[in-house]
Amino acid sequence: MQQRAENTRQAVLLGAAVSFEKHGYGTASLSTILAHAGVTKGAMYFHFSSKEELAHAVIDAQHQLAMDGVRTITAQVPRALDAVICISQEMARQLLEEPMARGGMRLTLEIGSMQGPVQRPYRDWIESIQLLAARAAEEGDLATGVDTEALAAFVVGAFTGVQTLSEVLHGRADLYARLSDMWQLMLPSIAAPAALERTRALALCEPRDWSVSEPEVGVSA
């Protein structure tokens, strides 16, 4: 029974994410959410009391998906600057392949404009990048004098802008290419000379699915 209830909850969340992505928070209705979820109204109300509660649950699920990727990459990629690049690529992959990520991303912007900023996902992402940037400096992969706090905020802000422009102009069809361009422009300013060739090559690689076990990325020294 517990597993069935969890399956139903996940179905409602996924249906809500798809509906919010397609219609936006203001236009999406409970009927469209139910249609995408394939559950009854009673089943939905057993887990969520309102559209607003559902929207925040989708944002939380998207945030969890993103942070799971951050933790996996941080644990598997030996060099911290490489991990920062891989995290941005994983965020792009999630936006292209995961309805929860797309629904949550749209909601973060729309809910924030109506009810005040949704800050936690961005703050957690910035904090994770800052920790990696500090480690990258210790590993000698950052150029001398790079402010790791400013770098973390800039990386998150740049990615947010790149993915938004890619969505508006091309439905995110060119997201990987635009993300690669972002890194090719940024890395000469932030990477130490010894790390530049390696990191620029990594930024050109096709993103991988980090839920699938593969050999470590990058080099250990």
Protein backbone atom coordinates (compact mmCIF):
# COMPACT_ATOMS: atom_id res chain seq x y z
CA MET A 1 0.00 0.00 0.00
CA GLN A 2 2.84 2.39 0.84
CA GLN A 3 4.51 1.70 -2.50
CA ARG A 4 1.23 2.21 -4.35
CA ALA A 5 0.71 5.54 -2.57
CA GLU A 6 4.24 6.63 -3.45
CA ASN A 7 3.73 5.61 -7.09
CA THR A 8 0.54 7.68 -7.17
CA ARG A 9 2.30 10.67 -5.62
CA GLN A 10 5.09 10.47 -8.19
CA ALA A 11 2.55 10.20 -11.01
CA VAL A 12 0.81 13.34 -9.78
CA LEU A 13 4.13 15.18 -9.47
CA LEU A 14 5.18 14.19 -12.97
CA GLY A 15 1.79 15.14 -14.39
CA ALA A 16 2.01 18.49 -12.64
CA ALA A 17 5.54 19.09 -13.94
CA VAL A 18 4.46 18.38 -17.52
CA SER A 19 1.38 20.58 -17.16
CA PHE A 20 3.30 23.47 -15.57
CA GLU A 21 5.99 23.24 -18.24
CA LYS A 22 3.46 23.37 -21.07
CA HIS A 23 0.97 25.87 -19.66
CA GLY A 24 2.76 27.79 -16.93
CA TYR A 25 1.59 28.17 -13.35
CA GLY A 26 -1.20 30.65 -14.08
CA THR A 27 -2.79 28.72 -16.93
CA ALA A 28 -2.31 25.13 -15.77
CA SER A 29 -5.48 23.77 -14.18
CA LEU A 30 -6.10 20.83 -11.90
CA SER A 31 -7.94 19.13 -14.78
CA THR A 32 -4.87 19.35 -17.04
CA ILE A 33 -2.68 18.06 -14.21
CA LEU A 34 -5.03 15.11 -13.68
CA ALA A 35 -5.04 14.39 -17.41
CA HIS A 36 -1.24 14.27 -17.54
CA ALA A 37 -0.98 12.30 -14.28
CA GLY A 38 -3.62 9.72 -15.16
CA VAL A 39 -5.02 9.59 -11.61
CA THR A 40 -8.34 10.48 -10.00
CA LYS A 41 -9.08 13.78 -8.32
CA GLY A 42 -9.39 11.99 -5.00
CA ALA A 43 -5.96 10.40 -5.41
CA MET A 44 -4.44 13.78 -6.15
CA TYR A 45 -6.09 15.47 -3.16
CA PHE A 46 -4.89 12.65 -0.91
CA HIS A 47 -1.35 13.90 -1.51
CA PHE A 48 -1.73 17.59 -2.38
CA SER A 49 -4.32 20.08 -1.20
CA SER A 50 -3.90 22.75 -3.89
CA LYS A 51 -2.20 23.77 -7.12
CA GLU A 52 0.16 25.97 -5.14
CA GLU A 53 1.25 23.05 -2.95
CA LEU A 54 1.78 20.96 -6.07
CA ALA A 55 3.87 23.69 -7.68
CA HIS A 56 6.17 23.94 -4.68
CA ALA A 57 6.44 20.13 -4.57
CA VAL A 58 7.56 20.14 -8.23
CA ILE A 59 10.16 22.83 -7.45
CA ASP A 60 11.40 20.71 -4.53
CA ALA A 61 11.57 17.59 -6.72
CA GLN A 62 13.50 19.46 -9.41
CA HIS A 63 15.88 20.80 -6.78
CA GLN A 64 16.42 17.30 -5.39
CA LEU A 65 17.14 15.99 -8.89
CA ALA A 66 19.67 18.75 -9.46
CA MET A 67 21.41 18.29 -6.10
CA ASP A 68 21.58 14.53 -6.59
CA GLY A 69 23.53 15.26 -9.76
CA VAL A 70 25.80 17.68 -7.91
CA ARG A 71 26.59 15.11 -5.22
CA THR A 72 27.22 12.29 -7.71
CA ILE A 73 29.53 14.39 -9.85
CA THR A 74 31.40 15.81 -6.86
CA ALA A 75 32.05 12.27 -5.65
CA GLN A 76 33.10 10.85 -9.03
CA VAL A 77 35.07 13.59 -10.79
CA PRO A 78 38.62 13.92 -9.38
CA ARG A 79 39.32 17.58 -10.24
CA ALA A 80 37.01 20.22 -8.82
CA LEU A 81 37.03 22.54 -11.84
CA ASP A 82 36.14 19.59 -14.07
CA ALA A 83 33.28 18.83 -11.69
CA VAL A 84 31.91 22.37 -12.05
CA ILE A 85 31.80 21.95 -15.83
CA CYS A 86 30.21 18.50 -15.55
CA ILE A 87 27.56 19.85 -13.17
CA SER A 88 26.53 22.50 -15.68
CA GLN A 89 26.36 19.83 -18.38
CA GLU A 90 24.21 17.64 -16.13
CA MET A 91 21.84 20.54 -15.47
CA ALA A 92 21.53 20.99 -19.23
CA ARG A 93 20.90 17.27 -19.72
CA GLN A 94 18.19 17.29 -17.08
CA LEU A 95 16.44 20.21 -18.77
CA LEU A 96 16.46 18.36 -22.08
CA GLU A 97 15.53 14.90 -20.80
CA GLU A 98 13.66 15.30 -17.50
CA PRO A 99 10.13 16.80 -17.46
CA MET A 100 10.51 17.43 -13.72
CA ALA A 101 13.52 19.64 -14.38
CA ARG A 102 11.76 21.67 -17.06
CA GLY A 103 8.59 22.10 -15.01
CA GLY A 104 10.52 23.06 -11.90
CA MET A 105 12.70 25.54 -13.77
CA ARG A 106 9.71 27.33 -15.26
CA LEU A 107 7.94 27.39 -11.91
CA THR A 108 10.97 28.79 -10.11
CA LEU A 109 10.81 31.86 -12.33
CA GLU A 110 7.00 32.19 -12.48
CA ILE A 111 6.24 31.52 -8.81
CA GLY A 112 9.07 33.87 -7.88
CA SER A 113 7.61 36.69 -9.96
CA MET A 114 4.20 36.29 -8.30
CA GLN A 115 5.00 35.38 -4.71
CA GLY A 116 8.58 36.54 -4.15
CA PRO A 117 11.89 34.93 -5.06
CA VAL A 118 12.32 31.15 -4.82
CA GLN A 119 15.86 31.33 -3.49
CA ARG A 120 16.80 27.97 -2.02
CA PRO A 121 17.59 26.10 -5.28
CA TYR A 122 19.86 28.90 -6.45
CA ARG A 123 21.51 29.38 -3.05
CA ASP A 124 22.26 25.65 -2.73
CA TRP A 125 23.61 25.52 -6.28
CA ILE A 126 25.84 28.57 -5.72
CA GLU A 127 27.12 27.14 -2.43
CA SER A 128 27.99 23.82 -4.11
CA ILE A 129 29.86 25.57 -6.91
CA GLN A 130 31.68 27.83 -4.45
CA LEU A 131 32.94 24.83 -2.47
CA LEU A 132 34.20 23.24 -5.67
CA ALA A 133 35.77 26.50 -6.83
CA ALA A 134 37.64 26.81 -3.53
CA ARG A 135 38.90 23.26 -3.97
CA ALA A 136 39.89 24.01 -7.56
CA ALA A 137 41.98 26.93 -6.30
CA GLU A 138 43.72 24.61 -3.81
CA GLU A 139 44.36 22.14 -6.64
CA GLY A 140 45.99 24.88 -8.69
CA ASP A 141 43.37 24.83 -11.46
CA LEU A 142 42.10 28.40 -11.00
CA ALA A 143 43.93 31.46 -12.22
CA THR A 144 45.57 33.55 -9.51
CA GLY A 145 43.22 36.03 -7.88
CA VAL A 146 39.91 34.49 -8.97
CA ASP A 147 37.21 35.29 -6.42
CA THR A 148 35.53 31.93 -5.82
CA GLU A 149 32.38 33.45 -4.34
CA ALA A 150 31.90 35.74 -7.33
CA LEU A 151 32.73 32.88 -9.70
CA ALA A 152 30.08 30.61 -8.20
CA ALA A 153 27.36 33.25 -8.53
CA PHE A 154 28.48 34.06 -12.05
CA VAL A 155 28.46 30.43 -13.22
CA VAL A 156 24.92 29.91 -11.92
CA GLY A 157 23.73 33.21 -13.35
CA ALA A 158 25.39 32.58 -16.71
CA PHE A 159 23.87 29.10 -16.99
CA THR A 160 20.43 30.45 -16.10
CA GLY A 161 20.71 33.08 -18.80
CA VAL A 162 22.10 30.71 -21.41
CA GLN A 163 19.36 28.12 -20.90
CA THR A 164 16.64 30.78 -20.89
CA LEU A 165 17.86 32.31 -24.16
CA SER A 166 18.25 28.85 -25.70
CA GLU A 167 14.66 28.01 -24.72
CA VAL A 168 13.24 31.28 -26.04
CA LEU A 169 15.08 31.20 -29.38
CA HIS A 170 15.37 27.49 -30.15
CA GLY A 171 13.32 25.48 -27.65
CA ARG A 172 16.65 24.46 -26.02
CA ALA A 173 17.64 22.50 -29.16
CA ASP A 174 21.02 24.28 -29.11
CA LEU A 175 21.52 24.20 -25.33
CA TYR A 176 24.60 21.97 -25.33
CA ALA A 177 26.28 24.13 -27.96
CA ARG A 178 25.46 27.37 -26.15
CA LEU A 179 26.73 25.91 -22.86
CA SER A 180 29.97 24.90 -24.55
CA ASP A 181 30.31 28.44 -25.92
CA MET A 182 29.81 29.78 -22.40
CA TRP A 183 32.71 27.74 -21.08
CA GLN A 184 34.99 28.42 -24.04
CA LEU A 185 34.56 32.15 -23.37
CA MET A 186 34.83 31.87 -19.58
CA LEU A 187 37.66 29.38 -19.04
CA PRO A 188 40.54 31.52 -20.39
CA SER A 189 39.70 34.06 -17.67
CA ILE A 190 39.35 31.68 -14.74
CA ALA A 191 41.47 28.57 -15.42
CA ALA A 192 45.15 28.31 -14.65
CA PRO A 193 47.24 27.84 -17.82
CA ALA A 194 48.02 24.22 -16.94
CA ALA A 195 44.30 23.41 -16.65
CA LEU A 196 43.02 25.33 -19.67
CA GLU A 197 43.46 22.75 -22.42
CA ARG A 198 41.96 19.96 -20.30
CA THR A 199 38.93 21.92 -19.17
CA ARG A 200 38.18 23.39 -22.60
CA ALA A 201 38.25 19.88 -24.06
CA LEU A 202 35.86 18.68 -21.33
CA ALA A 203 33.48 21.55 -22.07
CA LEU A 204 33.24 20.32 -25.67
CA CYS A 205 32.23 16.80 -24.62
CA GLU A 206 28.67 15.53 -24.94
CA PRO A 207 27.05 15.45 -21.47
CA ARG A 208 26.59 12.01 -19.94
CA ASP A 209 23.86 10.61 -17.72
CA TRP A 210 25.40 10.44 -14.25
CA SER A 211 22.87 7.88 -13.05
CA VAL A 212 24.74 5.37 -15.22
CA SER A 213 28.04 4.15 -13.76
CA GLU A 214 31.01 5.01 -15.97
CA PRO A 215 34.76 5.56 -15.47
CA GLU A 216 35.91 8.72 -13.74
CA VAL A 217 36.01 11.93 -15.79
CA GLY A 218 39.14 13.99 -16.10
CA VAL A 219 42.50 13.28 -14.54
CA SER A 220 43.61 13.00 -10.96
CA ALA A 221 46.73 15.10 -11.27
